[in-house]
Amino acid sequence: IIWREFGIKLNFYAEIVSDSLIKLHIRPEVSSLDFTNGIEISGFKI
C-alpha cells in the first residue's frame, strides 16, 4: 500500500534577496477524488 495525498496543498521555498525583494518558488495544488473514472484492482476500488 502506498498513500497519495489529495486536497489543498502548498509547497514553497523562500529566499530573502534584499530588504525589499523576496525570491519565491511556489507550487499550489488543488485535487479531489473522482469515483466516476476510478478503477478496480483485485477487489479494491481506487
All heavy atoms as atom14 arrays in JSON, in Angstrom:
{
  "sequence": "IIWREFGIKLNFYAEIVSDSLIKLHIRPEVSSLDFTNGIEISGFKI",
  "atom14_mask": [
    [1, 1, 1, 1, 1, 1, 1, 1, 0, 0, 0, 0, 0, 0],
    [1, 1, 1, 1, 1, 1, 1, 1, 0, 0, 0, 0, 0, 0],
    [1, 1, 1, 1, 1, 1, 1, 1, 1, 1, 1, 1, 1, 1],
    [1, 1, 1, 1, 1, 1, 1, 1, 1, 1, 1, 0, 0, 0],
    [1, 1, 1, 1, 1, 1, 1, 1, 1, 0, 0, 0, 0, 0],
    [1, 1, 1, 1, 1, 1, 1, 1, 1, 1, 1, 0, 0, 0],
    [1, 1, 1, 1, 0, 0, 0, 0, 0, 0, 0, 0, 0, 0],
    [1, 1, 1, 1, 1, 1, 1, 1, 0, 0, 0, 0, 0, 0],
    [1, 1, 1, 1, 1, 1, 1, 1, 1, 0, 0, 0, 0, 0],
    [1, 1, 1, 1, 1, 1, 1, 1, 0, 0, 0, 0, 0, 0],
    [1, 1, 1, 1, 1, 1, 1, 1, 0, 0, 0, 0, 0, 0],
    [1, 1, 1, 1, 1, 1, 1, 1, 1, 1, 1, 0, 0, 0],
    [1, 1, 1, 1, 1, 1, 1, 1, 1, 1, 1, 1, 0, 0],
    [1, 1, 1, 1, 1, 0, 0, 0, 0, 0, 0, 0, 0, 0],
    [1, 1, 1, 1, 1, 1, 1, 1, 1, 0, 0, 0, 0, 0],
    [1, 1, 1, 1, 1, 1, 1, 1, 0, 0, 0, 0, 0, 0],
    [1, 1, 1, 1, 1, 1, 1, 0, 0, 0, 0, 0, 0, 0],
    [1, 1, 1, 1, 1, 1, 0, 0, 0, 0, 0, 0, 0, 0],
    [1, 1, 1, 1, 1, 1, 1, 1, 0, 0, 0, 0, 0, 0],
    [1, 1, 1, 1, 1, 1, 0, 0, 0, 0, 0, 0, 0, 0],
    [1, 1, 1, 1, 1, 1, 1, 1, 0, 0, 0, 0, 0, 0],
    [1, 1, 1, 1, 1, 1, 1, 1, 0, 0, 0, 0, 0, 0],
    [1, 1, 1, 1, 1, 1, 1, 1, 1, 0, 0, 0, 0, 0],
    [1, 1, 1, 1, 1, 1, 1, 1, 0, 0, 0, 0, 0, 0],
    [1, 1, 1, 1, 1, 1, 1, 1, 1, 1, 0, 0, 0, 0],
    [1, 1, 1, 1, 1, 1, 1, 1, 0, 0, 0, 0, 0, 0],
    [1, 1, 1, 1, 1, 1, 1, 1, 1, 1, 1, 0, 0, 0],
    [1, 1, 1, 1, 1, 1, 1, 0, 0, 0, 0, 0, 0, 0],
    [1, 1, 1, 1, 1, 1, 1, 1, 1, 0, 0, 0, 0, 0],
    [1, 1, 1, 1, 1, 1, 1, 0, 0, 0, 0, 0, 0, 0],
    [1, 1, 1, 1, 1, 1, 0, 0, 0, 0, 0, 0, 0, 0],
    [1, 1, 1, 1, 1, 1, 0, 0, 0, 0, 0, 0, 0, 0],
    [1, 1, 1, 1, 1, 1, 1, 1, 0, 0, 0, 0, 0, 0],
    [1, 1, 1, 1, 1, 1, 1, 1, 0, 0, 0, 0, 0, 0],
    [1, 1, 1, 1, 1, 1, 1, 1, 1, 1, 1, 0, 0, 0],
    [1, 1, 1, 1, 1, 1, 1, 0, 0, 0, 0, 0, 0, 0],
    [1, 1, 1, 1, 1, 1, 1, 1, 0, 0, 0, 0, 0, 0],
    [1, 1, 1, 1, 0, 0, 0, 0, 0, 0, 0, 0, 0, 0],
    [1, 1, 1, 1, 1, 1, 1, 1, 0, 0, 0, 0, 0, 0],
    [1, 1, 1, 1, 1, 1, 1, 1, 1, 0, 0, 0, 0, 0],
    [1, 1, 1, 1, 1, 1, 1, 1, 0, 0, 0, 0, 0, 0],
    [1, 1, 1, 1, 1, 1, 0, 0, 0, 0, 0, 0, 0, 0],
    [1, 1, 1, 1, 0, 0, 0, 0, 0, 0, 0, 0, 0, 0],
    [1, 1, 1, 1, 1, 1, 1, 1, 1, 1, 1, 0, 0, 0],
    [1, 1, 1, 1, 1, 1, 1, 1, 1, 0, 0, 0, 0, 0],
    [1, 1, 1, 1, 1, 1, 1, 1, 0, 0, 0, 0, 0, 0]
  ],
  "atom14_positions": [
    [[0.85, -1.2, 0.0], [0.0, 0.0, 0.0], [0.89, 1.24, 0.0], [1.81, 1.37, 0.81], [-0.94, 0.02, 1.21], [-1.81, -1.23, 1.23], [-1.81, 1.27, 1.2], [-2.73, -1.36, 0.04], [0.0, 0.0, 0.0], [0.0, 0.0, 0.0], [0.0, 0.0, 0.0], [0.0, 0.0, 0.0], [0.0, 0.0, 0.0], [0.0, 0.0, 0.0]],
    [[0.62, 2.12, -0.94], [1.24, 3.44, -0.93], [0.12, 4.47, -0.74], [-1.03, 4.23, -1.1], [2.02, 3.73, -2.22], [1.1, 3.69, -3.44], [3.17, 2.74, -2.37], [1.78, 4.1, -4.73], [0.0, 0.0, 0.0], [0.0, 0.0, 0.0], [0.0, 0.0, 0.0], [0.0, 0.0, 0.0], [0.0, 0.0, 0.0], [0.0, 0.0, 0.0]],
    [[0.48, 5.61, -0.18], [-0.5, 6.64, 0.14], [-0.28, 7.85, -0.75], [0.85, 8.29, -0.95], [-0.41, 7.03, 1.61], [-0.7, 5.89, 2.53], [0.18, 4.95, 2.99], [-1.97, 5.56, 3.08], [-0.46, 4.05, 3.8], [-1.78, 4.39, 3.88], [-3.25, 6.11, 3.0], [-2.83, 3.8, 4.57], [-4.29, 5.52, 3.69], [-4.07, 4.37, 4.47]],
    [[-1.38, 8.36, -1.26], [-1.34, 9.52, -2.15], [-2.16, 10.66, -1.52], [-3.32, 10.46, -1.14], [-1.92, 9.16, -3.52], [-2.0, 10.33, -4.49], [-0.62, 10.83, -4.9], [-0.73, 12.01, -5.75], [-0.89, 11.97, -7.06], [-0.96, 10.79, -7.68], [-0.97, 13.08, -7.77], [0.0, 0.0, 0.0], [0.0, 0.0, 0.0], [0.0, 0.0, 0.0]],
    [[-1.54, 11.82, -1.42], [-2.21, 12.96, -0.81], [-3.17, 13.61, -1.8], [-2.94, 13.61, -3.0], [-1.18, 13.99, -0.34], [-0.23, 13.49, 0.73], [0.8, 14.52, 1.12], [0.95, 15.5, 0.35], [1.47, 14.35, 2.15], [0.0, 0.0, 0.0], [0.0, 0.0, 0.0], [0.0, 0.0, 0.0], [0.0, 0.0, 0.0], [0.0, 0.0, 0.0]],
    [[-4.24, 14.16, -1.25], [-5.19, 14.93, -2.06], [-5.77, 16.04, -1.19], [-5.73, 15.98, 0.04], [-6.31, 14.03, -2.61], [-7.29, 13.57, -1.55], [-8.47, 14.26, -1.33], [-7.03, 12.45, -0.79], [-9.37, 13.85, -0.36], [-7.92, 12.03, 0.19], [-9.1, 12.73, 0.4], [0.0, 0.0, 0.0], [0.0, 0.0, 0.0], [0.0, 0.0, 0.0]],
    [[-6.29, 17.04, -1.85], [-6.86, 18.19, -1.14], [-6.2, 19.47, -1.6], [-5.79, 19.62, -2.75], [0.0, 0.0, 0.0], [0.0, 0.0, 0.0], [0.0, 0.0, 0.0], [0.0, 0.0, 0.0], [0.0, 0.0, 0.0], [0.0, 0.0, 0.0], [0.0, 0.0, 0.0], [0.0, 0.0, 0.0], [0.0, 0.0, 0.0], [0.0, 0.0, 0.0]],
    [[-6.07, 20.42, -0.68], [-5.43, 21.71, -0.95], [-4.01, 21.65, -0.4], [-3.8, 21.5, 0.8], [-6.22, 22.87, -0.32], [-7.64, 22.91, -0.88], [-5.53, 24.19, -0.55], [-8.51, 23.96, -0.25], [0.0, 0.0, 0.0], [0.0, 0.0, 0.0], [0.0, 0.0, 0.0], [0.0, 0.0, 0.0], [0.0, 0.0, 0.0], [0.0, 0.0, 0.0]],
    [[-3.03, 21.77, -1.29], [-1.62, 21.63, -0.92], [-0.86, 22.89, -1.31], [-1.22, 23.59, -2.26], [-0.99, 20.41, -1.59], [-1.6, 19.09, -1.21], [-1.02, 17.96, -2.04], [0.48, 17.88, -1.95], [1.04, 16.75, -2.72], [0.0, 0.0, 0.0], [0.0, 0.0, 0.0], [0.0, 0.0, 0.0], [0.0, 0.0, 0.0], [0.0, 0.0, 0.0]],
    [[0.2, 23.13, -0.57], [1.08, 24.27, -0.86], [2.5, 23.88, -0.48], [2.76, 23.47, 0.66], [0.65, 25.51, -0.09], [1.62, 26.7, -0.18], [1.66, 27.24, -1.59], [1.24, 27.79, 0.8], [0.0, 0.0, 0.0], [0.0, 0.0, 0.0], [0.0, 0.0, 0.0], [0.0, 0.0, 0.0], [0.0, 0.0, 0.0], [0.0, 0.0, 0.0]],
    [[3.42, 24.0, -1.42], [4.85, 23.83, -1.18], [5.55, 25.11, -1.65], [5.29, 25.58, -2.75], [5.41, 22.62, -1.93], [4.79, 21.32, -1.48], [4.49, 21.14, -0.31], [4.59, 20.4, -2.41], [0.0, 0.0, 0.0], [0.0, 0.0, 0.0], [0.0, 0.0, 0.0], [0.0, 0.0, 0.0], [0.0, 0.0, 0.0], [0.0, 0.0, 0.0]],
    [[6.45, 25.63, -0.81], [7.14, 26.84, -1.21], [8.55, 26.85, -0.63], [8.84, 26.19, 0.37], [6.38, 28.1, -0.79], [6.57, 28.49, 0.66], [7.58, 29.37, 1.04], [5.74, 27.99, 1.64], [7.76, 29.72, 2.36], [5.91, 28.34, 2.96], [6.92, 29.21, 3.32], [0.0, 0.0, 0.0], [0.0, 0.0, 0.0], [0.0, 0.0, 0.0]],
    [[9.42, 27.59, -1.31], [10.8, 27.82, -0.89], [11.07, 29.31, -1.05], [10.85, 29.87, -2.13], [11.78, 27.0, -1.73], [13.23, 27.29, -1.46], [13.91, 26.65, -0.44], [13.93, 28.22, -2.23], [15.25, 26.92, -0.19], [15.26, 28.5, -2.0], [15.92, 27.84, -0.97], [17.23, 28.12, -0.73], [0.0, 0.0, 0.0], [0.0, 0.0, 0.0]],
    [[11.52, 29.97, 0.02], [11.69, 31.42, 0.0], [13.14, 31.78, 0.29], [13.8, 31.13, 1.1], [10.77, 32.08, 1.03], [0.0, 0.0, 0.0], [0.0, 0.0, 0.0], [0.0, 0.0, 0.0], [0.0, 0.0, 0.0], [0.0, 0.0, 0.0], [0.0, 0.0, 0.0], [0.0, 0.0, 0.0], [0.0, 0.0, 0.0], [0.0, 0.0, 0.0]],
    [[13.61, 32.81, -0.38], [14.95, 33.34, -0.17], [14.87, 34.86, -0.17], [14.35, 35.47, -1.11], [15.91, 32.87, -1.27], [17.31, 33.41, -1.12], [18.23, 32.96, -2.24], [17.77, 32.17, -3.09], [19.39, 33.4, -2.26], [0.0, 0.0, 0.0], [0.0, 0.0, 0.0], [0.0, 0.0, 0.0], [0.0, 0.0, 0.0], [0.0, 0.0, 0.0]],
    [[15.39, 35.47, 0.89], [15.38, 36.92, 1.02], [16.56, 37.46, 0.22], [17.73, 37.25, 0.58], [15.47, 37.34, 2.49], [14.29, 36.76, 3.27], [15.48, 38.86, 2.61], [14.34, 37.04, 4.76], [0.0, 0.0, 0.0], [0.0, 0.0, 0.0], [0.0, 0.0, 0.0], [0.0, 0.0, 0.0], [0.0, 0.0, 0.0], [0.0, 0.0, 0.0]],
    [[16.27, 38.17, -0.86], [17.31, 38.72, -1.72], [17.83, 40.05, -1.17], [19.03, 40.3, -1.11], [16.79, 38.89, -3.15], [17.86, 39.48, -4.06], [16.3, 37.56, -3.7], [0.0, 0.0, 0.0], [0.0, 0.0, 0.0], [0.0, 0.0, 0.0], [0.0, 0.0, 0.0], [0.0, 0.0, 0.0], [0.0, 0.0, 0.0], [0.0, 0.0, 0.0]],
    [[16.94, 40.92, -0.75], [17.3, 42.2, -0.17], [16.22, 42.57, 0.85], [15.32, 41.78, 1.13], [17.43, 43.28, -1.25], [16.18, 43.51, -1.88], [0.0, 0.0, 0.0], [0.0, 0.0, 0.0], [0.0, 0.0, 0.0], [0.0, 0.0, 0.0], [0.0, 0.0, 0.0], [0.0, 0.0, 0.0], [0.0, 0.0, 0.0], [0.0, 0.0, 0.0]],
    [[16.33, 43.79, 1.4], [15.35, 44.21, 2.38], [14.0, 44.55, 1.76], [13.06, 44.89, 2.47], [15.86, 45.41, 3.18], [16.19, 46.59, 2.26], [16.36, 46.35, 1.05], [16.26, 47.72, 2.75], [0.0, 0.0, 0.0], [0.0, 0.0, 0.0], [0.0, 0.0, 0.0], [0.0, 0.0, 0.0], [0.0, 0.0, 0.0], [0.0, 0.0, 0.0]],
    [[13.89, 44.48, 0.44], [12.62, 44.79, -0.2], [12.18, 43.73, -1.22], [11.09, 43.85, -1.77], [12.69, 46.14, -0.92], [13.72, 46.13, -1.9], [0.0, 0.0, 0.0], [0.0, 0.0, 0.0], [0.0, 0.0, 0.0], [0.0, 0.0, 0.0], [0.0, 0.0, 0.0], [0.0, 0.0, 0.0], [0.0, 0.0, 0.0], [0.0, 0.0, 0.0]],
    [[12.99, 42.69, -1.46], [12.69, 41.72, -2.5], [12.88, 40.31, -1.97], [13.82, 40.03, -1.21], [13.6, 41.95, -3.72], [13.15, 41.31, -5.05], [11.82, 41.91, -5.5], [14.21, 41.53, -6.11], [0.0, 0.0, 0.0], [0.0, 0.0, 0.0], [0.0, 0.0, 0.0], [0.0, 0.0, 0.0], [0.0, 0.0, 0.0], [0.0, 0.0, 0.0]],
    [[11.98, 39.41, -2.38], [12.0, 38.01, -1.97], [11.87, 37.15, -3.22], [10.99, 37.38, -4.05], [10.85, 37.69, -0.99], [10.96, 38.55, 0.27], [10.83, 36.22, -0.61], [9.78, 38.4, 1.2], [0.0, 0.0, 0.0], [0.0, 0.0, 0.0], [0.0, 0.0, 0.0], [0.0, 0.0, 0.0], [0.0, 0.0, 0.0], [0.0, 0.0, 0.0]],
    [[12.74, 36.15, -3.32], [12.61, 35.15, -4.39], [11.79, 34.0, -3.85], [12.12, 33.42, -2.82], [13.98, 34.66, -4.86], [13.89, 33.57, -5.92], [15.26, 33.09, -6.34], [15.97, 34.15, -7.17], [17.26, 33.62, -7.72], [0.0, 0.0, 0.0], [0.0, 0.0, 0.0], [0.0, 0.0, 0.0], [0.0, 0.0, 0.0], [0.0, 0.0, 0.0]],
    [[10.73, 33.66, -4.55], [9.74, 32.71, -4.05], [9.51, 31.62, -5.1], [9.17, 31.92, -6.24], [8.42, 33.44, -3.74], [7.36, 32.66, -2.98], [7.86, 32.31, -1.6], [6.08, 33.5, -2.87], [0.0, 0.0, 0.0], [0.0, 0.0, 0.0], [0.0, 0.0, 0.0], [0.0, 0.0, 0.0], [0.0, 0.0, 0.0], [0.0, 0.0, 0.0]],
    [[9.72, 30.38, -4.69], [9.37, 29.21, -5.52], [8.14, 28.58, -4.88], [8.2, 28.08, -3.75], [10.52, 28.21, -5.57], [10.21, 27.0, -6.39], [10.35, 26.96, -7.76], [9.74, 25.78, -6.03], [9.99, 25.77, -8.21], [9.62, 25.03, -7.17], [0.0, 0.0, 0.0], [0.0, 0.0, 0.0], [0.0, 0.0, 0.0], [0.0, 0.0, 0.0]],
    [[7.04, 28.59, -5.58], [5.77, 28.2, -5.01], [5.09, 27.18, -5.91], [5.2, 27.25, -7.15], [4.86, 29.44, -4.78], [3.59, 29.04, -4.05], [4.57, 30.16, -6.07], [2.78, 30.22, -3.58], [0.0, 0.0, 0.0], [0.0, 0.0, 0.0], [0.0, 0.0, 0.0], [0.0, 0.0, 0.0], [0.0, 0.0, 0.0], [0.0, 0.0, 0.0]],
    [[4.4, 26.22, -5.29], [3.66, 25.19, -6.03], [2.33, 24.94, -5.32], [2.23, 24.07, -4.46], [4.47, 23.89, -6.11], [3.84, 22.83, -7.02], [4.67, 21.55, -7.01], [4.21, 20.61, -8.0], [3.21, 19.75, -7.83], [2.57, 19.72, -6.68], [2.85, 18.92, -8.79], [0.0, 0.0, 0.0], [0.0, 0.0, 0.0], [0.0, 0.0, 0.0]],
    [[1.28, 25.68, -5.66], [-0.05, 25.39, -5.11], [-0.74, 24.29, -5.93], [-0.55, 24.18, -7.14], [-0.79, 26.73, -5.25], [-0.13, 27.4, -6.41], [1.3, 26.94, -6.43], [0.0, 0.0, 0.0], [0.0, 0.0, 0.0], [0.0, 0.0, 0.0], [0.0, 0.0, 0.0], [0.0, 0.0, 0.0], [0.0, 0.0, 0.0], [0.0, 0.0, 0.0]],
    [[-1.55, 23.5, -5.24], [-2.23, 22.38, -5.9], [-3.58, 22.14, -5.23], [-3.69, 22.2, -4.0], [-1.39, 21.11, -5.81], [-2.04, 19.88, -6.41], [-1.16, 18.64, -6.28], [0.07, 18.8, -6.17], [-1.71, 17.52, -6.27], [0.0, 0.0, 0.0], [0.0, 0.0, 0.0], [0.0, 0.0, 0.0], [0.0, 0.0, 0.0], [0.0, 0.0, 0.0]],
    [[-4.58, 21.88, -6.04], [-5.92, 21.52, -5.57], [-6.32, 20.23, -6.28], [-6.33, 20.17, -7.51], [-6.95, 22.64, -5.86], [-8.35, 22.19, -5.45], [-6.58, 23.91, -5.12], [0.0, 0.0, 0.0], [0.0, 0.0, 0.0], [0.0, 0.0, 0.0], [0.0, 0.0, 0.0], [0.0, 0.0, 0.0], [0.0, 0.0, 0.0], [0.0, 0.0, 0.0]],
    [[-6.65, 19.2, -5.52], [-7.03, 17.91, -6.08], [-8.24, 17.38, -5.34], [-8.48, 17.7, -4.17], [-5.87, 16.91, -6.0], [-5.47, 16.72, -4.66], [0.0, 0.0, 0.0], [0.0, 0.0, 0.0], [0.0, 0.0, 0.0], [0.0, 0.0, 0.0], [0.0, 0.0, 0.0], [0.0, 0.0, 0.0], [0.0, 0.0, 0.0], [0.0, 0.0, 0.0]],
    [[-9.02, 16.55, -6.02], [-10.22, 15.95, -5.44], [-10.38, 14.54, -5.99], [-9.81, 14.19, -7.03], [-11.47, 16.79, -5.77], [-11.64, 16.9, -7.17], [0.0, 0.0, 0.0], [0.0, 0.0, 0.0], [0.0, 0.0, 0.0], [0.0, 0.0, 0.0], [0.0, 0.0, 0.0], [0.0, 0.0, 0.0], [0.0, 0.0, 0.0], [0.0, 0.0, 0.0]],
    [[-11.16, 13.73, -5.28], [-11.39, 12.35, -5.67], [-12.44, 12.28, -6.77], [-13.45, 12.99, -6.73], [-11.83, 11.51, -4.48], [-10.86, 11.47, -3.29], [-11.44, 10.62, -2.17], [-9.51, 10.93, -3.72], [0.0, 0.0, 0.0], [0.0, 0.0, 0.0], [0.0, 0.0, 0.0], [0.0, 0.0, 0.0], [0.0, 0.0, 0.0], [0.0, 0.0, 0.0]],
    [[-12.21, 11.43, -7.74], [-13.11, 11.23, -8.87], [-13.45, 9.75, -8.94], [-12.67, 8.94, -9.46], [-12.45, 11.7, -10.17], [-13.41, 11.62, -11.36], [-14.6, 11.33, -11.12], [-12.96, 11.86, -12.5], [0.0, 0.0, 0.0], [0.0, 0.0, 0.0], [0.0, 0.0, 0.0], [0.0, 0.0, 0.0], [0.0, 0.0, 0.0], [0.0, 0.0, 0.0]],
    [[-14.61, 9.38, -8.38], [-15.02, 7.98, -8.37], [-15.57, 7.55, -9.72], [-15.66, 6.34, -9.99], [-16.06, 7.75, -7.28], [-15.49, 7.87, -5.88], [-15.53, 9.07, -5.21], [-14.92, 6.77, -5.26], [-15.0, 9.18, -3.93], [-14.4, 6.87, -3.99], [-14.44, 8.08, -3.32], [0.0, 0.0, 0.0], [0.0, 0.0, 0.0], [0.0, 0.0, 0.0]],
    [[-15.97, 8.49, -10.56], [-16.53, 8.12, -11.86], [-15.47, 7.47, -12.74], [-15.74, 6.49, -13.44], [-17.1, 9.36, -12.55], [-18.08, 9.96, -11.69], [-17.75, 9.0, -13.87], [0.0, 0.0, 0.0], [0.0, 0.0, 0.0], [0.0, 0.0, 0.0], [0.0, 0.0, 0.0], [0.0, 0.0, 0.0], [0.0, 0.0, 0.0], [0.0, 0.0, 0.0]],
    [[-14.27, 8.01, -12.72], [-13.19, 7.49, -13.55], [-12.25, 6.57, -12.77], [-11.11, 6.34, -13.2], [-12.38, 8.64, -14.15], [-13.22, 9.53, -15.05], [-14.04, 9.03, -15.81], [-13.03, 10.84, -14.94], [0.0, 0.0, 0.0], [0.0, 0.0, 0.0], [0.0, 0.0, 0.0], [0.0, 0.0, 0.0], [0.0, 0.0, 0.0], [0.0, 0.0, 0.0]],
    [[-12.68, 6.06, -11.63], [-11.86, 5.16, -10.85], [-11.75, 3.78, -11.48], [-12.47, 3.43, -12.42], [0.0, 0.0, 0.0], [0.0, 0.0, 0.0], [0.0, 0.0, 0.0], [0.0, 0.0, 0.0], [0.0, 0.0, 0.0], [0.0, 0.0, 0.0], [0.0, 0.0, 0.0], [0.0, 0.0, 0.0], [0.0, 0.0, 0.0], [0.0, 0.0, 0.0]],
    [[-10.85, 2.98, -10.95], [-10.63, 1.62, -11.44], [-10.74, 0.65, -10.27], [-10.69, 1.05, -9.1], [-9.26, 1.48, -12.13], [-8.13, 1.81, -11.14], [-9.19, 2.37, -13.36], [-6.74, 1.6, -11.73], [0.0, 0.0, 0.0], [0.0, 0.0, 0.0], [0.0, 0.0, 0.0], [0.0, 0.0, 0.0], [0.0, 0.0, 0.0], [0.0, 0.0, 0.0]],
    [[-10.85, -0.62, -10.59], [-10.95, -1.67, -9.58], [-9.86, -2.69, -9.83], [-9.76, -3.26, -10.93], [-12.33, -2.33, -9.63], [-12.57, -3.3, -8.48], [-14.0, -3.81, -8.44], [-14.84, -3.23, -9.15], [-14.26, -4.76, -7.68], [0.0, 0.0, 0.0], [0.0, 0.0, 0.0], [0.0, 0.0, 0.0], [0.0, 0.0, 0.0], [0.0, 0.0, 0.0]],
    [[-9.01, -2.91, -8.82], [-7.89, -3.83, -8.92], [-7.95, -4.8, -7.76], [-7.92, -4.38, -6.59], [-6.54, -3.09, -8.92], [-6.46, -2.09, -10.07], [-5.38, -4.07, -8.97], [-5.19, -1.28, -10.07], [0.0, 0.0, 0.0], [0.0, 0.0, 0.0], [0.0, 0.0, 0.0], [0.0, 0.0, 0.0], [0.0, 0.0, 0.0], [0.0, 0.0, 0.0]],
    [[-8.08, -6.09, -8.1], [-8.08, -7.17, -7.09], [-9.1, -6.91, -5.99], [-8.85, -7.13, -4.8], [-6.68, -7.33, -6.49], [-5.73, -7.64, -7.48], [0.0, 0.0, 0.0], [0.0, 0.0, 0.0], [0.0, 0.0, 0.0], [0.0, 0.0, 0.0], [0.0, 0.0, 0.0], [0.0, 0.0, 0.0], [0.0, 0.0, 0.0], [0.0, 0.0, 0.0]],
    [[-10.24, -6.43, -6.38], [-11.3, -6.16, -5.42], [-11.22, -4.81, -4.75], [-12.1, -4.46, -3.98], [0.0, 0.0, 0.0], [0.0, 0.0, 0.0], [0.0, 0.0, 0.0], [0.0, 0.0, 0.0], [0.0, 0.0, 0.0], [0.0, 0.0, 0.0], [0.0, 0.0, 0.0], [0.0, 0.0, 0.0], [0.0, 0.0, 0.0], [0.0, 0.0, 0.0]],
    [[-10.18, -4.04, -5.02], [-10.03, -2.71, -4.44], [-10.53, -1.68, -5.46], [-10.07, -1.67, -6.6], [-8.57, -2.41, -4.09], [-8.0, -3.3, -3.04], [-7.28, -4.43, -3.39], [-8.17, -3.01, -1.7], [-6.74, -5.25, -2.43], [-7.64, -3.83, -0.72], [-6.93, -4.96, -1.08], [0.0, 0.0, 0.0], [0.0, 0.0, 0.0], [0.0, 0.0, 0.0]],
    [[-11.43, -0.82, -5.04], [-11.91, 0.25, -5.88], [-11.11, 1.51, -5.58], [-11.17, 2.06, -4.49], [-13.4, 0.5, -5.66], [-14.0, 1.47, -6.66], [-15.5, 1.59, -6.51], [-16.09, 2.51, -7.57], [-17.57, 2.65, -7.43], [0.0, 0.0, 0.0], [0.0, 0.0, 0.0], [0.0, 0.0, 0.0], [0.0, 0.0, 0.0], [0.0, 0.0, 0.0]],
    [[-10.36, 1.95, -6.58], [-9.45, 3.08, -6.41], [-10.0, 4.25, -7.19], [-10.13, 4.17, -8.42], [-8.04, 2.72, -6.9], [-7.56, 1.45, -6.2], [-7.09, 3.88, -6.64], [-6.27, 0.94, -6.76], [0.0, 0.0, 0.0], [0.0, 0.0, 0.0], [0.0, 0.0, 0.0], [0.0, 0.0, 0.0], [0.0, 0.0, 0.0], [0.0, 0.0, 0.0]]
  ]
}
